Each structure stands twice: as structure tokens, then as C-alpha cells.
Amino acid sequence: MKELLRSTDPVRLALATALLEGEGIAAFQIDVHMSVLDGSLGILPRRLMVRDADLFMARAILRDLGLDQGA
């Protein structure tokens, strides 16, 4: 698994996940429950992971849609 996206915005992560899965690329969010450690402030980012073989295509999809920039 490779990290594709890191963000503190759950909406951005959900959108990226839905778009990737619509293209047949399985995506998995990790660090989802880390907010317990920061007091649910949303300081710690979540990471979106994809298979190594899907990384190039997943990056291209997010780049084309403008989801690869920022947090």
C-alpha cells in the first residue's frame, strides 16, 4: 500500500475515495480514529492508501480533478 493523499478534511477524503472506487481503484483510509488522541480537534491528518500498482493512475485521477493540492 502507498500513501496517495493526506488531509484533515474528511469530505475531501470521502470524495477522493468515492471517485477512485468509481474508477475501480480500491482506496483505504487509515488513521481515522487518531482524532481520539488529539481531543477530536481534527489536527492529525488521515491518510488515503491505494495498492502499489494503482498509485500512478490514482494520482492522475486526483490531479485531473484538482484534489491533489493542499490539506
PDB file of N, CA and C in Angstrom:
ATOM      1  N   MET A   1       0.843  -1.179   0.000  1.00  0.00           N
ATOM      2  CA  MET A   1       0.000   0.000   0.000  1.00  0.00           C
ATOM      3  C   MET A   1       0.886   1.239   0.000  1.00  0.00           C
ATOM      4  N   LYS A   2       0.453   2.239  -0.731  1.00  0.00           N
ATOM      5  CA  LYS A   2       1.169   3.508  -0.823  1.00  0.00           C
ATOM      6  C   LYS A   2       0.229   4.641  -0.440  1.00  0.00           C
ATOM      7  N   GLU A   3       0.794   5.671   0.188  1.00  0.00           N
ATOM      8  CA  GLU A   3       0.008   6.836   0.559  1.00  0.00           C
ATOM      9  C   GLU A   3      -0.262   7.682  -0.677  1.00  0.00           C
ATOM     10  N   LEU A   4      -1.521   7.972  -0.900  1.00  0.00           N
ATOM     11  CA  LEU A   4      -1.931   8.778  -2.036  1.00  0.00           C
ATOM     12  C   LEU A   4      -2.254  10.208  -1.621  1.00  0.00           C
ATOM     13  N   LEU A   5      -2.916  10.347  -0.478  1.00  0.00           N
ATOM     14  CA  LEU A   5      -3.393  11.653  -0.050  1.00  0.00           C
ATOM     15  C   LEU A   5      -3.379  11.706   1.467  1.00  0.00           C
ATOM     16  N   ARG A   6      -3.031  12.876   1.999  1.00  0.00           N
ATOM     17  CA  ARG A   6      -3.060  13.095   3.449  1.00  0.00           C
ATOM     18  C   ARG A   6      -3.832  14.386   3.686  1.00  0.00           C
ATOM     19  N   SER A   7      -4.846  14.330   4.528  1.00  0.00           N
ATOM     20  CA  SER A   7      -5.682  15.505   4.745  1.00  0.00           C
ATOM     21  C   SER A   7      -6.391  15.436   6.093  1.00  0.00           C
ATOM     22  N   THR A   8      -6.722  16.614   6.604  1.00  0.00           N
ATOM     23  CA  THR A   8      -7.545  16.697   7.812  1.00  0.00           C
ATOM     24  C   THR A   8      -9.012  16.933   7.446  1.00  0.00           C
ATOM     25  N   ASP A   9      -9.307  17.030   6.167  1.00  0.00           N
ATOM     26  CA  ASP A   9     -10.663  17.284   5.682  1.00  0.00           C
ATOM     27  C   ASP A   9     -11.361  15.962   5.340  1.00  0.00           C
ATOM     28  N   PRO A  10     -12.313  15.524   6.164  1.00  0.00           N
ATOM     29  CA  PRO A  10     -12.976  14.245   5.904  1.00  0.00           C
ATOM     30  C   PRO A  10     -13.814  14.248   4.623  1.00  0.00           C
ATOM     31  N   VAL A  11     -14.315  15.407   4.226  1.00  0.00           N
ATOM     32  CA  VAL A  11     -15.105  15.493   2.998  1.00  0.00           C
ATOM     33  C   VAL A  11     -14.215  15.267   1.779  1.00  0.00           C
ATOM     34  N   ARG A  12     -13.046  15.870   1.782  1.00  0.00           N
ATOM     35  CA  ARG A  12     -12.090  15.686   0.682  1.00  0.00           C
ATOM     36  C   ARG A  12     -11.691  14.212   0.554  1.00  0.00           C
ATOM     37  N   LEU A  13     -11.436  13.574   1.691  1.00  0.00           N
ATOM     38  CA  LEU A  13     -11.063  12.165   1.677  1.00  0.00           C
ATOM     39  C   LEU A  13     -12.208  11.285   1.180  1.00  0.00           C
ATOM     40  N   ALA A  14     -13.423  11.582   1.599  1.00  0.00           N
ATOM     41  CA  ALA A  14     -14.586  10.804   1.151  1.00  0.00           C
ATOM     42  C   ALA A  14     -14.810  10.978  -0.350  1.00  0.00           C
ATOM     43  N   LEU A  15     -14.642  12.203  -0.845  1.00  0.00           N
ATOM     44  CA  LEU A  15     -14.804  12.462  -2.274  1.00  0.00           C
ATOM     45  C   LEU A  15     -13.739  11.725  -3.077  1.00  0.00           C
ATOM     46  N   ALA A  16     -12.498  11.812  -2.632  1.00  0.00           N
ATOM     47  CA  ALA A  16     -11.406  11.122  -3.327  1.00  0.00           C
ATOM     48  C   ALA A  16     -11.638   9.614  -3.325  1.00  0.00           C
ATOM     49  N   THR A  17     -12.070   9.080  -2.198  1.00  0.00           N
ATOM     50  CA  THR A  17     -12.336   7.642  -2.100  1.00  0.00           C
ATOM     51  C   THR A  17     -13.439   7.230  -3.066  1.00  0.00           C
ATOM     52  N   ALA A  18     -14.521   7.988  -3.107  1.00  0.00           N
ATOM     53  CA  ALA A  18     -15.646   7.668  -3.983  1.00  0.00           C
ATOM     54  C   ALA A  18     -15.242   7.746  -5.455  1.00  0.00           C
ATOM     55  N   LEU A  19     -14.471   8.767  -5.816  1.00  0.00           N
ATOM     56  CA  LEU A  19     -14.040   8.909  -7.205  1.00  0.00           C
ATOM     57  C   LEU A  19     -13.114   7.771  -7.619  1.00  0.00           C
ATOM     58  N   LEU A  20     -12.193   7.405  -6.747  1.00  0.00           N
ATOM     59  CA  LEU A  20     -11.278   6.312  -7.058  1.00  0.00           C
ATOM     60  C   LEU A  20     -12.021   4.986  -7.186  1.00  0.00           C
ATOM     61  N   GLU A  21     -12.930   4.727  -6.259  1.00  0.00           N
ATOM     62  CA  GLU A  21     -13.688   3.481  -6.317  1.00  0.00           C
ATOM     63  C   GLU A  21     -14.590   3.432  -7.550  1.00  0.00           C
ATOM     64  N   GLY A  22     -15.060   4.602  -8.001  1.00  0.00           N
ATOM     65  CA  GLY A  22     -15.827   4.668  -9.236  1.00  0.00           C
ATOM     66  C   GLY A  22     -15.002   4.292 -10.455  1.00  0.00           C
ATOM     67  N   GLU A  23     -13.701   4.467 -10.365  1.00  0.00           N
ATOM     68  CA  GLU A  23     -12.779   4.097 -11.437  1.00  0.00           C
ATOM     69  C   GLU A  23     -12.205   2.695 -11.251  1.00  0.00           C
ATOM     70  N   GLY A  24     -12.681   1.992 -10.224  1.00  0.00           N
ATOM     71  CA  GLY A  24     -12.227   0.625  -9.988  1.00  0.00           C
ATOM     72  C   GLY A  24     -10.944   0.515  -9.190  1.00  0.00           C
ATOM     73  N   ILE A  25     -10.566   1.589  -8.499  1.00  0.00           N
ATOM     74  CA  ILE A  25      -9.356   1.590  -7.680  1.00  0.00           C
ATOM     75  C   ILE A  25      -9.770   1.543  -6.214  1.00  0.00           C
ATOM     76  N   ALA A  26      -9.372   0.486  -5.532  1.00  0.00           N
ATOM     77  CA  ALA A  26      -9.707   0.351  -4.113  1.00  0.00           C
ATOM     78  C   ALA A  26      -8.853   1.323  -3.304  1.00  0.00           C
ATOM     79  N   ALA A  27      -9.503   2.064  -2.421  1.00  0.00           N
ATOM     80  CA  ALA A  27      -8.807   3.021  -1.561  1.00  0.00           C
ATOM     81  C   ALA A  27      -9.188   2.739  -0.111  1.00  0.00           C
ATOM     82  N   PHE A  28      -8.239   2.931   0.788  1.00  0.00           N
ATOM     83  CA  PHE A  28      -8.441   2.615   2.196  1.00  0.00           C
ATOM     84  C   PHE A  28      -7.918   3.769   3.046  1.00  0.00           C
ATOM     85  N   GLN A  29      -8.761   4.283   3.946  1.00  0.00           N
ATOM     86  CA  GLN A  29      -8.349   5.360   4.839  1.00  0.00           C
ATOM     87  C   GLN A  29      -7.746   4.778   6.106  1.00  0.00           C
ATOM     88  N   ILE A  30      -6.603   5.312   6.499  1.00  0.00           N
ATOM     89  CA  ILE A  30      -6.009   4.915   7.768  1.00  0.00           C
ATOM     90  C   ILE A  30      -5.864   6.147   8.651  1.00  0.00           C
ATOM     91  N   ASP A  31      -5.618   5.920   9.914  1.00  0.00           N
ATOM     92  CA  ASP A  31      -5.527   6.970  10.935  1.00  0.00           C
ATOM     93  C   ASP A  31      -6.879   7.637  11.181  1.00  0.00           C
ATOM     94  N   VAL A  32      -7.964   6.952  10.870  1.00  0.00           N
ATOM     95  CA  VAL A  32      -9.301   7.522  11.025  1.00  0.00           C
ATOM     96  C   VAL A  32      -9.622   7.808  12.485  1.00  0.00           C
ATOM     97  N   HIS A  33      -9.189   6.934  13.383  1.00  0.00           N
ATOM     98  CA  HIS A  33      -9.537   7.093  14.791  1.00  0.00           C
ATOM     99  C   HIS A  33      -8.448   7.797  15.605  1.00  0.00           C
ATOM    100  N   MET A  34      -7.489   8.403  14.937  1.00  0.00           N
ATOM    101  CA  MET A  34      -6.421   9.111  15.644  1.00  0.00           C
ATOM    102  C   MET A  34      -6.919  10.400  16.297  1.00  0.00           C
ATOM    103  N   SER A  35      -8.099  10.883  15.899  1.00  0.00           N
ATOM    104  CA  SER A  35      -8.627  12.110  16.485  1.00  0.00           C
ATOM    105  C   SER A  35      -8.874  11.960  17.983  1.00  0.00           C
ATOM    106  N   VAL A  36      -8.989  10.730  18.462  1.00  0.00           N
ATOM    107  CA  VAL A  36      -9.159  10.489  19.894  1.00  0.00           C
ATOM    108  C   VAL A  36      -7.928  11.003  20.646  1.00  0.00           C
ATOM    109  N   LEU A  37      -6.762  10.858  20.035  1.00  0.00           N
ATOM    110  CA  LEU A  37      -5.527  11.301  20.670  1.00  0.00           C
ATOM    111  C   LEU A  37      -5.378  12.812  20.714  1.00  0.00           C
ATOM    112  N   ASP A  38      -5.938  13.519  19.732  1.00  0.00           N
ATOM    113  CA  ASP A  38      -5.802  14.973  19.730  1.00  0.00           C
ATOM    114  C   ASP A  38      -7.046  15.665  20.288  1.00  0.00           C
ATOM    115  N   GLY A  39      -7.889  14.930  20.970  1.00  0.00           N
ATOM    116  CA  GLY A  39      -9.079  15.515  21.591  1.00  0.00           C
ATOM    117  C   GLY A  39     -10.175  15.842  20.598  1.00  0.00           C
ATOM    118  N   SER A  40     -10.212  15.142  19.476  1.00  0.00           N
ATOM    119  CA  SER A  40     -11.207  15.337  18.418  1.00  0.00           C
ATOM    120  C   SER A  40     -11.162  16.733  17.809  1.00  0.00           C
ATOM    121  N   LEU A  41      -9.975  17.326  17.776  1.00  0.00           N
ATOM    122  CA  LEU A  41      -9.801  18.649  17.186  1.00  0.00           C
ATOM    123  C   LEU A  41      -9.570  18.594  15.684  1.00  0.00           C
ATOM    124  N   GLY A  42      -9.257  17.424  15.151  1.00  0.00           N
ATOM    125  CA  GLY A  42      -9.001  17.293  13.725  1.00  0.00           C
ATOM    126  C   GLY A  42      -7.625  17.772  13.312  1.00  0.00           C
ATOM    127  N   ILE A  43      -6.684  17.736  14.231  1.00  0.00           N
ATOM    128  CA  ILE A  43      -5.327  18.197  13.933  1.00  0.00           C
ATOM    129  C   ILE A  43      -4.533  17.137  13.185  1.00  0.00           C
ATOM    130  N   LEU A  44      -4.696  15.897  13.561  1.00  0.00           N
ATOM    131  CA  LEU A  44      -3.933  14.813  12.944  1.00  0.00           C
ATOM    132  C   LEU A  44      -4.583  14.406  11.622  1.00  0.00           C
ATOM    133  N   PRO A  45      -3.816  14.402  10.539  1.00  0.00           N
ATOM    134  CA  PRO A  45      -4.396  14.069   9.235  1.00  0.00           C
ATOM    135  C   PRO A  45      -4.666  12.573   9.074  1.00  0.00           C
ATOM    136  N   ARG A  46      -5.623  12.294   8.237  1.00  0.00           N
ATOM    137  CA  ARG A  46      -5.914  10.918   7.819  1.00  0.00           C
ATOM    138  C   ARG A  46      -5.180  10.685   6.508  1.00  0.00           C
ATOM    139  N   ARG A  47      -4.867   9.427   6.237  1.00  0.00           N
ATOM    140  CA  ARG A  47      -4.164   9.088   5.002  1.00  0.00           C
ATOM    141  C   ARG A  47      -5.022   8.169   4.154  1.00  0.00           C
ATOM    142  N   LEU A  48      -4.986   8.409   2.860  1.00  0.00           N
ATOM    143  CA  LEU A  48      -5.696   7.574   1.900  1.00  0.00           C
ATOM    144  C   LEU A  48      -4.662   6.715   1.194  1.00  0.00           C
ATOM    145  N   MET A  49      -4.835   5.413   1.282  1.00  0.00           N
ATOM    146  CA  MET A  49      -3.870   4.465   0.739  1.00  0.00           C
ATOM    147  C   MET A  49      -4.478   3.721  -0.451  1.00  0.00           C
ATOM    148  N   VAL A  50      -3.609   3.383  -1.414  1.00  0.00           N
ATOM    149  CA  VAL A  50      -4.002   2.562  -2.560  1.00  0.00           C
ATOM    150  C   VAL A  50      -2.930   1.501  -2.791  1.00  0.00           C
ATOM    151  N   ARG A  51      -3.266   0.495  -3.564  1.00  0.00           N
ATOM    152  CA  ARG A  51      -2.279  -0.534  -3.903  1.00  0.00           C
ATOM    153  C   ARG A  51      -1.144   0.076  -4.712  1.00  0.00           C
ATOM    154  N   ASP A  52       0.034  -0.507  -4.593  1.00  0.00           N
ATOM    155  CA  ASP A  52       1.206  -0.017  -5.323  1.00  0.00           C
ATOM    156  C   ASP A  52       0.928   0.075  -6.823  1.00  0.00           C
ATOM    157  N   ALA A  53       0.279  -0.934  -7.367  1.00  0.00           N
ATOM    158  CA  ALA A  53       0.011  -0.990  -8.801  1.00  0.00           C
ATOM    159  C   ALA A  53      -0.965   0.091  -9.255  1.00  0.00           C
ATOM    160  N   ASP A  54      -1.792   0.601  -8.350  1.00  0.00           N
ATOM    161  CA  ASP A  54      -2.805   1.603  -8.695  1.00  0.00           C
ATOM    162  C   ASP A  54      -2.342   3.037  -8.447  1.00  0.00           C
ATOM    163  N   LEU A  55      -1.167   3.221  -7.868  1.00  0.00           N
ATOM    164  CA  LEU A  55      -0.727   4.549  -7.440  1.00  0.00           C
ATOM    165  C   LEU A  55      -0.646   5.546  -8.595  1.00  0.00           C
ATOM    166  N   PHE A  56      -0.032   5.176  -9.700  1.00  0.00           N
ATOM    167  CA  PHE A  56       0.124   6.097 -10.829  1.00  0.00           C
ATOM    168  C   PHE A  56      -1.229   6.578 -11.343  1.00  0.00           C
ATOM    169  N   MET A  57      -2.144   5.651 -11.569  1.00  0.00           N
ATOM    170  CA  MET A  57      -3.462   6.009 -12.095  1.00  0.00           C
ATOM    171  C   MET A  57      -4.259   6.827 -11.073  1.00  0.00           C
ATOM    172  N   ALA A  58      -4.165   6.463  -9.805  1.00  0.00           N
ATOM    173  CA  ALA A  58      -4.887   7.197  -8.755  1.00  0.00           C
ATOM    174  C   ALA A  58      -4.381   8.631  -8.656  1.00  0.00           C
ATOM    175  N   ARG A  59      -3.069   8.824  -8.744  1.00  0.00           N
ATOM    176  CA  ARG A  59      -2.515  10.190  -8.719  1.00  0.00           C
ATOM    177  C   ARG A  59      -3.014  11.002  -9.904  1.00  0.00           C
ATOM    178  N   ALA A  60      -3.062  10.377 -11.061  1.00  0.00           N
ATOM    179  CA  ALA A  60      -3.537  11.073 -12.261  1.00  0.00           C
ATOM    180  C   ALA A  60      -5.000  11.487 -12.111  1.00  0.00           C
ATOM    181  N   ILE A  61      -5.814  10.620 -11.557  1.00  0.00           N
ATOM    182  CA  ILE A  61      -7.236  10.928 -11.364  1.00  0.00           C
ATOM    183  C   ILE A  61      -7.400  12.106 -10.414  1.00  0.00           C
ATOM    184  N   LEU A  62      -6.710  12.080  -9.291  1.00  0.00           N
ATOM    185  CA  LEU A  62      -6.833  13.178  -8.326  1.00  0.00           C
ATOM    186  C   LEU A  62      -6.264  14.477  -8.890  1.00  0.00           C
ATOM    187  N   ARG A  63      -5.177  14.392  -9.630  1.00  0.00           N
ATOM    188  CA  ARG A  63      -4.570  15.587 -10.231  1.00  0.00           C
ATOM    189  C   ARG A  63      -5.530  16.210 -11.244  1.00  0.00           C
ATOM    190  N   ASP A  64      -6.162  15.399 -12.072  1.00  0.00           N
ATOM    191  CA  ASP A  64      -7.087  15.898 -13.079  1.00  0.00           C
ATOM    192  C   ASP A  64      -8.292  16.600 -12.445  1.00  0.00           C
ATOM    193  N   LEU A  65      -8.683  16.155 -11.267  1.00  0.00           N
ATOM    194  CA  LEU A  65      -9.840  16.728 -10.587  1.00  0.00           C
ATOM    195  C   LEU A  65      -9.467  17.810  -9.583  1.00  0.00           C
ATOM    196  N   GLY A  66      -8.177  18.093  -9.447  1.00  0.00           N
ATOM    197  CA  GLY A  66      -7.723  19.144  -8.547  1.00  0.00           C
ATOM    198  C   GLY A  66      -7.757  18.767  -7.081  1.00  0.00           C
ATOM    199  N   LEU A  67      -7.784  17.493  -6.766  1.00  0.00           N
ATOM    200  CA  LEU A  67      -7.828  17.052  -5.372  1.00  0.00           C
ATOM    201  C   LEU A  67      -6.466  16.726  -4.804  1.00  0.00           C
ATOM    202  N   ASP A  68      -5.411  16.944  -5.563  1.00  0.00           N
ATOM    203  CA  ASP A  68      -4.073  16.589  -5.090  1.00  0.00           C
ATOM    204  C   ASP A  68      -3.368  17.742  -4.391  1.00  0.00           C
ATOM    205  N   GLN A  69      -3.989  18.890  -4.306  1.00  0.00           N
ATOM    206  CA  GLN A  69      -3.354  20.068  -3.710  1.00  0.00           C
ATOM    207  C   GLN A  69      -3.877  20.328  -2.305  1.00  0.00           C
ATOM    208  N   GLY A  70      -3.025  20.882  -1.449  1.00  0.00           N
ATOM    209  CA  GLY A  70      -3.446  21.332  -0.132  1.00  0.00           C
ATOM    210  C   GLY A  70      -3.723  20.205   0.833  1.00  0.00           C
ATOM    211  N   ALA A  71      -4.198  20.589   2.028  1.00  0.00           N
ATOM    212  CA  ALA A  71      -4.516  19.629   3.085  1.00  0.00           C
ATOM    213  C   ALA A  71      -5.959  19.305   2.985  1.00  0.00           C
TER     214      ALA A  71
END
